[in-house]
Amino acid sequence: MKHIVKLLSAVALMFVGVSSYAQSPSPFHVGIKAGANFTNISTDLKDYSSKTATGYGLGAMARFDIKKTYIQTELFFSEKNSKFEGDRQGSFEVKSKQIEIPVVIGHKFVNLPLFSLRGFAGGVYTNTFDDKFSGSKINETVKFDNFDKNNIGYRLGVGVDVLKFTLDVSYDGSFSKTNKEIGSKPNTWMVSLGWFIL
């Protein structure tokens, strides 16, 4: 009987501690996150088709809560891959390394002490500091390597928070063409898992 009482007491203390954390009055939170991305670059070219390829990303995040609404920004390193297949020119891959700075506004549709369900939207600035091409010989008349290094796009997504952990599923699109000659626009889905340190 004593062991049962001790066990119940320990469980009760654990829930009290978790509830105290979840009801923390501080509206400012800082954390880290990482995830996988799935990128497809659409183009105006008829001789090439784009295929989705997988990459990864990791970085830091900061969130400011205003009741059920919040503002979140991130500093994120991403490696994105994409594939092009040509009718007669063969196929090749593009691998790019980027720094992303998204700023989104979100709303918590379900906001419980230990759990929240969110939706968010905002803008994202992307700087590409390295890109590489590999595969079959590229048609030299098509300037695939003439991509803009800086791009501004948008982000839409949904997320779930459980205690200190956060899971996001988001979609990034571009407002403008990153290569006007081939009419390219990147489209990226990302699944990320984060942990709030504060």
Protein backbone atom coordinates (compact mmCIF):
# COMPACT_ATOMS: atom_id res chain seq x y z
CA MET A 1 0.00 0.00 0.00
CA LYS A 2 2.84 2.39 0.83
CA HIS A 3 4.40 1.79 -2.59
CA ILE A 4 1.11 2.65 -4.32
CA VAL A 5 0.81 5.87 -2.30
CA LYS A 6 4.39 6.84 -3.21
CA LEU A 7 3.75 6.10 -6.87
CA LEU A 8 0.55 8.15 -6.94
CA SER A 9 2.32 11.00 -5.15
CA ALA A 10 5.16 10.97 -7.69
CA VAL A 11 2.70 11.02 -10.61
CA ALA A 12 0.78 13.89 -9.01
CA LEU A 13 3.99 15.90 -8.50
CA MET A 14 4.97 15.27 -12.12
CA PHE A 15 1.65 16.63 -13.39
CA VAL A 16 1.89 19.64 -11.09
CA GLY A 17 5.37 20.38 -12.45
CA VAL A 18 4.27 20.00 -16.07
CA SER A 19 1.21 22.18 -15.49
CA SER A 20 3.37 24.85 -13.86
CA TYR A 21 5.63 24.90 -16.90
CA ALA A 22 2.73 24.95 -19.36
CA GLN A 23 1.17 27.91 -17.55
CA SER A 24 4.40 29.87 -17.49
CA PRO A 25 3.57 33.61 -17.71
CA SER A 26 6.44 34.41 -20.07
CA PRO A 27 5.13 35.09 -23.60
CA PHE A 28 8.61 34.82 -25.17
CA HIS A 29 10.06 31.44 -26.17
CA VAL A 30 13.32 30.39 -27.82
CA GLY A 31 14.16 26.99 -29.27
CA ILE A 32 15.81 24.87 -31.92
CA LYS A 33 14.30 22.87 -34.78
CA ALA A 34 15.25 20.52 -37.61
CA GLY A 35 13.43 18.77 -40.40
CA ALA A 36 13.20 17.43 -43.93
CA ASN A 37 12.21 19.40 -47.02
CA PHE A 38 10.80 18.27 -50.37
CA THR A 39 11.52 20.67 -53.24
CA ASN A 40 10.23 20.92 -56.78
CA ILE A 41 11.28 23.72 -59.16
CA SER A 42 8.65 24.44 -61.80
CA THR A 43 9.83 25.95 -65.12
CA ASP A 44 8.46 27.18 -68.46
CA LEU A 45 10.68 24.74 -70.35
CA LYS A 46 8.96 22.14 -72.52
CA ASP A 47 12.02 19.88 -72.92
CA TYR A 48 12.55 19.46 -69.17
CA SER A 49 10.34 18.25 -66.34
CA SER A 50 11.03 18.84 -62.65
CA LYS A 51 10.95 16.10 -60.02
CA THR A 52 10.68 16.47 -56.25
CA ALA A 53 13.83 15.71 -54.25
CA THR A 54 14.53 15.55 -50.51
CA GLY A 55 16.79 17.82 -48.44
CA TYR A 56 17.12 18.88 -44.81
CA GLY A 57 17.28 21.95 -42.60
CA LEU A 58 18.12 23.04 -39.05
CA GLY A 59 18.18 26.26 -37.08
CA ALA A 60 16.80 28.37 -34.24
CA MET A 61 13.38 29.89 -33.60
CA ALA A 62 11.81 32.56 -31.40
CA ARG A 63 8.11 32.96 -30.65
CA PHE A 64 6.14 35.74 -28.97
CA ASP A 65 2.65 34.83 -27.73
CA ILE A 66 -0.23 37.30 -27.66
CA LYS A 67 -3.05 35.24 -26.14
CA LYS A 68 -4.08 32.80 -28.92
CA THR A 69 -2.07 34.70 -31.54
CA TYR A 70 1.70 34.52 -31.91
CA ILE A 71 4.56 35.86 -34.02
CA GLN A 72 7.43 33.53 -34.85
CA THR A 73 10.73 34.10 -36.64
CA GLU A 74 13.55 31.69 -37.45
CA LEU A 75 17.14 31.60 -38.63
CA PHE A 76 17.38 28.43 -40.68
CA PHE A 77 20.06 26.64 -42.70
CA SER A 78 18.67 24.46 -45.49
CA GLU A 79 20.09 22.16 -48.10
CA LYS A 80 17.55 21.76 -50.90
CA ASN A 81 17.73 19.35 -53.82
CA SER A 82 15.77 19.23 -57.05
CA LYS A 83 15.88 17.13 -60.21
CA PHE A 84 15.35 17.93 -63.88
CA GLU A 85 14.70 15.34 -66.55
CA GLY A 86 15.05 16.22 -70.23
CA ASP A 87 13.41 14.56 -73.21
CA ARG A 88 16.69 14.41 -75.13
CA GLN A 89 19.29 16.17 -72.96
CA GLY A 90 19.33 13.65 -70.11
CA SER A 91 18.79 14.44 -66.45
CA PHE A 92 20.66 16.34 -63.74
CA GLU A 93 20.34 17.45 -60.13
CA VAL A 94 20.62 20.83 -58.44
CA LYS A 95 21.83 21.03 -54.83
CA SER A 96 21.66 24.41 -53.09
CA LYS A 97 22.60 25.62 -49.61
CA GLN A 98 20.49 28.43 -48.24
CA ILE A 99 19.88 30.68 -45.25
CA GLU A 100 16.18 31.25 -44.60
CA ILE A 101 14.58 33.91 -42.40
CA PRO A 102 10.82 33.38 -42.15
CA VAL A 103 8.47 35.62 -40.16
CA VAL A 104 4.95 34.27 -39.65
CA ILE A 105 1.81 35.17 -37.73
CA GLY A 106 -0.07 32.25 -36.25
CA HIS A 107 -3.30 31.51 -34.43
CA LYS A 108 -3.93 28.71 -31.92
CA PHE A 109 -7.28 27.16 -32.78
CA VAL A 110 -6.96 24.81 -29.81
CA ASN A 111 -5.04 26.28 -26.87
CA LEU A 112 -4.83 23.95 -23.87
CA PRO A 113 -2.19 24.00 -21.09
CA LEU A 114 -0.33 20.98 -22.49
CA PHE A 115 -1.44 20.99 -26.13
CA SER A 116 -2.15 23.47 -28.93
CA LEU A 117 -3.19 23.20 -32.57
CA ARG A 118 -2.05 26.08 -34.78
CA GLY A 119 -2.22 27.58 -38.24
CA PHE A 120 0.22 30.19 -39.57
CA ALA A 121 1.15 32.31 -42.59
CA GLY A 122 3.83 34.85 -43.44
CA GLY A 123 6.84 35.69 -45.56
CA VAL A 124 10.29 34.13 -45.92
CA TYR A 125 13.55 35.64 -47.17
CA THR A 126 16.00 33.18 -48.73
CA ASN A 127 19.69 33.68 -49.55
CA THR A 128 21.41 30.99 -51.64
CA PHE A 129 25.14 30.99 -50.95
CA ASP A 130 26.11 27.77 -52.74
CA ASP A 131 24.62 25.69 -55.56
CA LYS A 132 25.96 22.75 -57.53
CA PHE A 133 24.84 20.91 -60.65
CA SER A 134 25.51 17.26 -61.36
CA GLY A 135 24.40 14.67 -63.91
CA SER A 136 24.14 14.59 -67.69
CA LYS A 137 25.50 17.40 -69.83
CA ILE A 138 23.21 20.41 -69.72
CA ASN A 139 22.05 22.15 -72.88
CA GLU A 140 24.40 25.14 -72.97
CA THR A 141 21.76 27.38 -74.55
CA VAL A 142 19.70 27.12 -71.36
CA LYS A 143 21.17 29.07 -68.43
CA PHE A 144 20.25 26.81 -65.54
CA ASP A 145 22.95 28.33 -63.35
CA ASN A 146 21.61 31.88 -63.67
CA PHE A 147 19.48 31.79 -60.52
CA ASP A 148 18.88 34.77 -58.25
CA LYS A 149 20.74 34.41 -54.97
CA ASN A 150 18.09 36.33 -53.03
CA ASN A 151 14.39 35.57 -53.05
CA ILE A 152 11.27 36.57 -51.11
CA GLY A 153 8.41 34.13 -50.84
CA TYR A 154 5.53 33.12 -48.61
CA ARG A 155 4.92 30.35 -46.07
CA LEU A 156 1.70 28.61 -45.08
CA GLY A 157 1.40 25.84 -42.54
CA VAL A 158 -0.13 24.08 -39.57
CA GLY A 159 1.48 22.95 -36.34
CA VAL A 160 1.02 21.09 -33.08
CA ASP A 161 2.61 21.92 -29.71
CA VAL A 162 2.93 19.30 -26.97
CA LEU A 163 4.73 20.53 -23.84
CA LYS A 164 8.07 21.91 -25.07
CA PHE A 165 7.89 20.14 -28.44
CA THR A 166 6.49 21.58 -31.66
CA LEU A 167 5.74 19.87 -34.98
CA ASP A 168 5.18 21.93 -38.15
CA VAL A 169 4.10 21.07 -41.68
CA SER A 170 4.59 24.03 -44.03
CA TYR A 171 4.60 25.01 -47.69
CA ASP A 172 6.91 27.65 -49.18
CA GLY A 173 6.23 29.34 -52.50
CA SER A 174 7.93 32.18 -54.38
CA PHE A 175 6.41 35.54 -55.30
CA SER A 176 8.75 35.91 -58.29
CA LYS A 177 10.73 33.76 -60.72
CA THR A 178 14.19 32.85 -59.47
CA ASN A 179 15.45 32.47 -63.05
CA LYS A 180 13.55 34.61 -65.57
CA GLU A 181 15.13 32.86 -68.57
CA ILE A 182 13.61 29.49 -67.73
CA GLY A 183 10.73 30.81 -65.60
CA SER A 184 11.66 28.82 -62.52
CA LYS A 185 9.76 28.95 -59.23
CA PRO A 186 10.72 26.81 -56.22
CA ASN A 187 7.99 24.97 -54.32
CA THR A 188 8.95 23.36 -51.02
CA TRP A 189 7.12 21.27 -48.44
CA MET A 190 8.80 20.91 -45.06
CA VAL A 191 8.17 18.77 -41.97
CA SER A 192 10.06 19.98 -38.89
CA LEU A 193 10.32 19.10 -35.22
CA GLY A 194 11.33 21.73 -32.67
CA TRP A 195 12.07 22.02 -28.97
CA PHE A 196 11.62 25.20 -26.92
CA ILE A 197 14.51 25.69 -24.53
CA LEU A 198 12.85 28.70 -22.88
